[in-house]
Amino acid sequence: MNIILTGGFSGGHIIPLIRLAKKMKEHQYLYLGFENHLEEKLAKESNIEFFGLKKFDTKFKRYFYVKKYFNEIEQRIKKFKPQLVISTGGYHSFPMIYYAKKNNIKYILIEENMKIGLLNMLFKKNAYKFITSFPLSLGEFGPNPSIYFNPVKQSIEYDFLCIGGSLGSHIIIKEAIKLSKKYKVLVIAGRYQAEYLKYQTKNFKVLGFVNLLDYYGISKLIITRSGSSTLFELIKANASFVTIPASKTKRNHQFYNAKFIEKNGLGLMLNENRITKKSLIKALNFDFTKIKETQKNFIESFEDNFYEEIIRGI
């Protein structure tokens, strides 16, 4: 089957689509997003054919003039002849989903967060399937494709691994610097790596953009934001982690993601205004035995061929 993947801006929208393509290798894929953005970089690194739309100056123009993209899309997909579009949302996928709806191309929407995004709210009514990574009443509960990887056994090298997400996090990094006076800390700083290199010591190491799967097993505790892709990866990796939701996100989705994790015993949660050196050391010494068992049961509750069965029915 010929499948178009679309979703972008942040790694949380992109990585699940790439994992899904790697899991279901029998299909042909074209990733449609915006050129010179993260989706182009990650798709090409995964050897997935990519087509980038030209970027307008403002979000308003992207939505208001969305039909201007139709000629671009039509010319590019004419030879590809898609039978299905799969989207994880985000405004970068808006032109393709709108085009699919207008041209009667079946599309599947995957909502990764506890709060449904604007694009998915707009188009879920006409979707072939609306899949939710959290058990919401408005969709079909299914696995977040971020869990489609095989965790690797690694040796503990650090006390703390701090992850700020693809957009980085100053709050987490600043606390990590304080922790490094006594503990070994590795920070994945993303775009802010250069800014914090001057703080490096034998106890404090800073990296930029990396494959996080190579690092989940090398620390006693992971401190992370509350993007759904990272949370589901950590659950699959059976990791000890504390999640700190960013306070300024659309529809406050990170807070609700983190509350689900806390309420269901899948990890610990701290609010931004409660982050202190003392609270993070307390999390380091927490007994995660029960949480790890809950994580295993949660992952095992999903059918491994969930998406294959959906696509087979088209």
Protein backbone atom coordinates (compact mmCIF):
# COMPACT_ATOMS: atom_id res chain seq x y z
CA MET A 1 0.00 0.00 0.00
CA ASN A 2 1.16 3.57 -0.72
CA ILE A 3 0.96 5.61 2.49
CA ILE A 4 1.62 9.30 3.10
CA LEU A 5 2.92 10.23 6.54
CA THR A 6 2.38 13.79 7.77
CA GLY A 7 3.03 15.58 11.04
CA GLY A 8 5.77 17.90 12.13
CA PHE A 9 7.44 20.78 13.92
CA SER A 10 8.39 18.77 17.03
CA GLY A 11 9.91 15.32 17.42
CA GLY A 12 6.76 14.22 19.26
CA HIS A 13 4.78 14.42 16.02
CA ILE A 14 7.49 12.96 13.79
CA ILE A 15 9.11 10.05 15.64
CA PRO A 16 5.90 7.96 16.03
CA LEU A 17 5.34 8.09 12.25
CA ILE A 18 8.91 7.01 11.54
CA ARG A 19 8.64 4.14 14.04
CA LEU A 20 5.39 3.04 12.43
CA ALA A 21 7.01 3.00 8.98
CA LYS A 22 9.94 0.95 10.27
CA LYS A 23 7.57 -1.54 11.90
CA MET A 24 5.37 -1.97 8.81
CA LYS A 25 8.08 -2.27 6.16
CA GLU A 26 5.88 -3.93 3.55
CA HIS A 27 4.32 -0.58 2.53
CA GLN A 28 5.64 2.34 0.45
CA TYR A 29 5.91 5.66 2.28
CA LEU A 30 6.14 9.34 1.38
CA TYR A 31 6.61 11.83 4.23
CA LEU A 32 4.94 15.17 3.50
CA GLY A 33 5.87 18.15 5.68
CA PHE A 34 7.62 21.51 5.46
CA GLU A 35 11.09 21.85 3.97
CA ASN A 36 14.01 22.79 6.22
CA HIS A 37 12.18 21.58 9.32
CA LEU A 38 12.83 18.71 11.71
CA GLU A 39 10.53 16.33 9.83
CA GLU A 40 12.74 16.61 6.74
CA LYS A 41 15.88 15.83 8.71
CA LEU A 42 14.43 12.83 10.57
CA ALA A 43 12.64 11.35 7.56
CA LYS A 44 15.77 11.49 5.40
CA GLU A 45 17.90 10.02 8.19
CA SER A 46 15.47 7.08 8.23
CA ASN A 47 15.61 6.73 4.42
CA ILE A 48 11.96 7.71 4.03
CA GLU A 49 11.20 9.68 0.87
CA PHE A 50 10.36 13.27 1.82
CA PHE A 51 8.45 16.05 0.08
CA GLY A 52 8.65 19.51 1.63
CA LEU A 53 6.11 22.25 1.16
CA LYS A 54 7.28 25.85 0.97
CA LYS A 55 6.88 27.62 4.30
CA PHE A 56 4.78 30.78 4.72
CA ASP A 57 5.85 33.51 7.15
CA THR A 58 3.10 33.10 9.75
CA LYS A 59 0.80 30.39 11.05
CA PHE A 60 -2.18 32.49 10.02
CA LYS A 61 -1.08 32.42 6.40
CA ARG A 62 -0.54 28.68 6.50
CA TYR A 63 -4.13 28.11 7.54
CA PHE A 64 -5.79 30.90 5.59
CA TYR A 65 -4.04 30.11 2.30
CA VAL A 66 -3.97 26.34 2.73
CA LYS A 67 -5.53 25.77 -0.71
CA LYS A 68 -2.43 27.35 -2.24
CA TYR A 69 -0.62 24.16 -1.23
CA PHE A 70 -3.00 21.96 -3.21
CA ASN A 71 -1.17 22.38 -6.52
CA GLU A 72 2.14 21.51 -4.85
CA ILE A 73 0.62 18.45 -3.20
CA GLU A 74 -1.22 17.32 -6.31
CA GLN A 75 1.85 17.50 -8.53
CA ARG A 76 3.95 15.56 -6.05
CA ILE A 77 1.54 12.77 -5.13
CA LYS A 78 0.12 12.24 -8.63
CA LYS A 79 2.67 9.51 -9.36
CA PHE A 80 2.71 8.17 -5.80
CA LYS A 81 -1.07 7.55 -5.81
CA PRO A 82 -1.63 7.34 -2.02
CA GLN A 83 -4.24 4.95 -0.70
CA LEU A 84 -3.96 6.20 2.87
CA VAL A 85 -2.67 9.18 4.88
CA ILE A 86 -1.51 8.79 8.50
CA SER A 87 -1.16 11.93 10.62
CA THR A 88 -0.05 12.69 14.17
CA GLY A 89 -1.44 16.22 13.97
CA GLY A 90 0.28 19.56 14.34
CA TYR A 91 -0.22 22.44 11.91
CA HIS A 92 2.46 21.04 9.58
CA SER A 93 0.05 18.27 8.63
CA PHE A 94 -2.92 20.58 8.02
CA PRO A 95 -2.50 21.00 4.20
CA MET A 96 -2.23 17.25 3.56
CA ILE A 97 -5.18 16.26 5.77
CA TYR A 98 -7.33 19.00 4.28
CA TYR A 99 -6.35 17.81 0.80
CA ALA A 100 -7.13 14.19 1.71
CA LYS A 101 -10.56 15.12 3.04
CA LYS A 102 -11.42 17.15 -0.09
CA ASN A 103 -10.24 14.38 -2.42
CA ASN A 104 -11.74 11.40 -0.56
CA ILE A 105 -8.41 9.86 0.40
CA LYS A 106 -8.77 7.80 3.58
CA TYR A 107 -6.82 9.12 6.54
CA ILE A 108 -5.99 7.93 10.04
CA LEU A 109 -5.44 10.46 12.82
CA ILE A 110 -3.29 9.57 15.82
CA GLU A 111 -3.79 11.77 18.89
CA GLU A 112 -0.79 11.36 21.17
CA ASN A 113 -1.83 13.63 24.04
CA MET A 114 -4.49 13.65 26.74
CA LYS A 115 -5.90 16.85 25.23
CA ILE A 116 -6.99 16.59 21.59
CA GLY A 117 -5.19 19.03 19.30
CA LEU A 118 -6.97 21.53 17.08
CA LEU A 119 -6.27 19.74 13.79
CA ASN A 120 -7.52 16.41 15.10
CA MET A 121 -10.64 18.10 16.50
CA LEU A 122 -11.34 19.60 13.07
CA PHE A 123 -10.87 16.42 11.04
CA LYS A 124 -11.68 13.47 13.33
CA LYS A 125 -15.30 13.30 12.20
CA ASN A 126 -14.31 12.24 8.67
CA ALA A 127 -11.30 10.13 9.63
CA TYR A 128 -11.18 6.45 8.67
CA LYS A 129 -9.84 5.86 12.20
CA PHE A 130 -9.16 8.21 15.11
CA ILE A 131 -6.60 6.57 17.42
CA THR A 132 -5.82 7.94 20.89
CA SER A 133 -2.64 7.04 22.76
CA PHE A 134 -4.44 7.72 26.04
CA PRO A 135 -7.86 6.20 26.89
CA LEU A 136 -10.09 9.09 25.77
CA SER A 137 -13.83 8.80 25.11
CA LEU A 138 -13.63 10.34 21.62
CA GLY A 139 -11.40 7.78 19.89
CA GLU A 140 -10.16 4.21 19.71
CA PHE A 141 -7.50 3.52 22.35
CA GLY A 142 -4.36 2.14 20.74
CA PRO A 143 -0.59 2.06 21.19
CA ASN A 144 1.50 5.15 20.64
CA PRO A 145 3.83 4.08 17.79
CA SER A 146 6.74 5.42 19.85
CA ILE A 147 6.78 2.09 21.70
CA TYR A 148 7.88 0.23 18.56
CA PHE A 149 11.52 -0.30 19.43
CA ASN A 150 13.53 -2.93 21.29
CA PRO A 151 15.17 -1.66 24.51
CA VAL A 152 18.86 -2.48 24.84
CA LYS A 153 20.47 -3.53 28.13
CA GLN A 154 23.00 -0.86 29.15
CA SER A 155 25.41 -0.18 32.00
CA ILE A 156 24.69 2.58 34.53
CA GLU A 157 27.11 5.49 34.02
CA TYR A 158 25.20 8.44 35.51
CA ASP A 159 22.97 9.21 38.47
CA PHE A 160 20.73 11.52 36.43
CA LEU A 161 19.82 11.78 32.77
CA CYS A 162 18.02 15.07 32.06
CA ILE A 163 15.99 15.43 28.86
CA GLY A 164 14.47 18.74 27.76
CA GLY A 165 12.65 17.50 24.67
CA SER A 166 13.39 18.53 21.09
CA LEU A 167 12.81 22.18 22.07
CA GLY A 168 15.10 22.06 25.13
CA SER A 169 14.41 23.13 28.74
CA HIS A 170 16.34 25.79 30.68
CA ILE A 171 14.57 24.94 33.96
CA ILE A 172 15.66 21.30 33.92
CA ILE A 173 19.21 22.11 32.80
CA LYS A 174 19.74 24.69 35.56
CA GLU A 175 18.70 22.16 38.21
CA ALA A 176 20.99 19.60 36.59
CA ILE A 177 23.96 21.94 37.06
CA LYS A 178 23.21 22.14 40.79
CA LEU A 179 22.94 18.35 41.05
CA SER A 180 26.32 17.88 39.36
CA LYS A 181 28.14 19.27 42.41
CA LYS A 182 27.52 15.88 44.06
CA TYR A 183 26.11 13.56 41.37
CA LYS A 184 27.04 12.47 37.86
CA VAL A 185 24.65 14.13 35.41
CA LEU A 186 24.13 13.83 31.65
CA VAL A 187 21.99 16.50 29.98
CA ILE A 188 20.42 16.19 26.54
CA ALA A 189 20.09 19.91 25.85
CA GLY A 190 18.93 19.83 22.22
CA ARG A 191 19.20 23.26 20.62
CA TYR A 192 20.72 24.73 23.80
CA GLN A 193 23.85 22.56 23.88
CA ALA A 194 26.25 25.35 22.91
CA GLU A 195 24.85 27.61 25.63
CA TYR A 196 25.69 25.14 28.41
CA LEU A 197 28.98 23.63 27.24
CA LYS A 198 30.87 26.09 29.46
CA TYR A 199 29.41 24.30 32.54
CA GLN A 200 30.84 20.90 31.63
CA THR A 201 32.89 19.16 34.31
CA LYS A 202 33.80 15.54 35.03
CA ASN A 203 30.35 15.24 36.67
CA PHE A 204 28.35 17.25 34.12
CA LYS A 205 28.14 16.39 30.43
CA VAL A 206 26.02 18.17 27.81
CA LEU A 207 24.86 16.70 24.48
CA GLY A 208 22.76 18.20 21.69
CA PHE A 209 20.42 16.19 19.46
CA VAL A 210 20.93 12.45 19.93
CA ASN A 211 19.06 9.19 19.52
CA LEU A 212 17.53 9.00 22.99
CA LEU A 213 17.10 5.22 22.75
CA ASP A 214 20.88 4.96 23.15
CA TYR A 215 20.72 6.68 26.56
CA TYR A 216 17.63 5.52 28.45
CA GLY A 217 19.49 2.71 30.20
CA ILE A 218 22.62 4.51 31.37
CA SER A 219 21.30 6.40 34.43
CA LYS A 220 19.62 5.60 37.74
CA LEU A 221 16.91 8.25 37.18
CA ILE A 222 15.62 10.14 34.14
CA ILE A 223 14.20 13.66 34.42
CA THR A 224 12.07 14.57 31.43
CA ARG A 225 9.42 16.88 30.06
CA SER A 226 5.97 15.40 29.37
CA GLY A 227 5.81 15.02 25.62
CA SER A 228 3.88 11.84 24.90
CA SER A 229 6.47 10.21 22.64
CA THR A 230 9.20 10.41 25.28
CA LEU A 231 6.83 9.22 28.02
CA PHE A 232 5.80 6.15 26.03
CA GLU A 233 9.42 5.41 25.15
CA LEU A 234 10.37 5.53 28.83
CA ILE A 235 7.49 3.22 29.75
CA LYS A 236 8.58 0.75 27.05
CA ALA A 237 12.19 1.02 28.27
CA ASN A 238 10.94 0.19 31.80
CA ALA A 239 12.79 3.24 33.09
CA SER A 240 12.76 5.01 36.44
CA PHE A 241 11.68 8.55 35.60
CA VAL A 242 10.15 11.75 36.92
CA THR A 243 8.22 13.89 34.44
CA ILE A 244 8.02 17.69 34.69
CA PRO A 245 5.33 19.12 32.38
CA ALA A 246 6.11 22.38 30.59
CA SER A 247 3.71 25.02 31.89
CA LYS A 248 3.24 26.77 28.54
CA THR A 249 1.98 24.22 26.02
CA LYS A 250 -1.06 24.22 23.76
CA ARG A 251 -4.17 23.25 25.72
CA ASN A 252 -1.82 22.50 28.64
CA HIS A 253 -1.43 18.99 27.17
CA GLN A 254 1.85 18.18 28.94
CA PHE A 255 0.23 18.66 32.34
CA TYR A 256 -2.57 16.22 31.49
CA ASN A 257 -0.10 13.72 30.02
CA ALA A 258 1.92 13.86 33.24
CA LYS A 259 -1.16 13.52 35.45
CA PHE A 260 -2.11 10.35 33.58
CA ILE A 261 1.36 8.95 34.22
CA GLU A 262 1.18 9.80 37.91
CA LYS A 263 -2.41 8.62 38.42
CA ASN A 264 -1.77 5.26 36.74
CA GLY A 265 1.47 4.56 38.57
CA LEU A 266 3.67 4.65 35.46
CA GLY A 267 6.17 7.22 36.75
CA LEU A 268 6.59 10.18 39.09
CA MET A 269 5.46 13.75 38.41
CA LEU A 270 6.73 17.13 39.60
CA ASN A 271 5.35 20.55 38.73
CA GLU A 272 7.80 23.19 37.51
CA ASN A 273 7.33 25.28 40.63
CA ARG A 274 8.22 22.28 42.82
CA ILE A 275 11.56 21.50 41.19
CA THR A 276 14.39 21.72 43.69
CA LYS A 277 17.65 19.90 44.17
CA LYS A 278 16.10 18.23 47.23
CA SER A 279 12.97 17.01 45.38
CA LEU A 280 15.06 15.49 42.57
CA ILE A 281 17.37 13.71 45.02
CA LYS A 282 14.26 12.34 46.74
CA ALA A 283 13.09 10.98 43.37
CA LEU A 284 16.53 9.41 42.82
CA ASN A 285 16.12 7.44 46.06
CA PHE A 286 12.51 6.41 45.37
CA ASP A 287 11.74 2.68 45.08
CA PHE A 288 10.47 2.18 41.50
CA THR A 289 9.81 -1.58 41.81
CA LYS A 290 6.00 -1.29 41.71
CA ILE A 291 6.08 1.34 38.95
CA LYS A 292 8.26 -0.86 36.75
CA GLU A 293 5.81 -3.75 37.10
CA THR A 294 2.92 -1.43 36.17
CA GLN A 295 4.87 -0.24 33.12
CA LYS A 296 5.34 -3.81 31.90
CA ASN A 297 1.63 -4.59 32.29
CA PHE A 298 0.66 -1.39 30.46
CA ILE A 299 2.83 -2.20 27.42
CA GLU A 300 1.69 -5.83 27.34
CA SER A 301 -1.95 -4.71 27.16
CA PHE A 302 -1.48 -3.51 23.56
CA GLU A 303 -1.75 -5.82 20.58
CA ASP A 304 1.53 -5.82 18.65
CA ASN A 305 -0.22 -5.88 15.26
CA PHE A 306 -2.77 -3.15 16.12
CA TYR A 307 -1.99 -0.89 13.14
CA GLU A 308 -1.43 -3.76 10.71
CA GLU A 309 -4.97 -4.95 11.41
CA ILE A 310 -6.42 -1.49 10.79
CA ILE A 311 -4.61 -1.04 7.48
CA ARG A 312 -5.45 -4.58 6.39
CA GLY A 313 -9.12 -3.62 6.60
CA ILE A 314 -8.82 -0.77 4.06
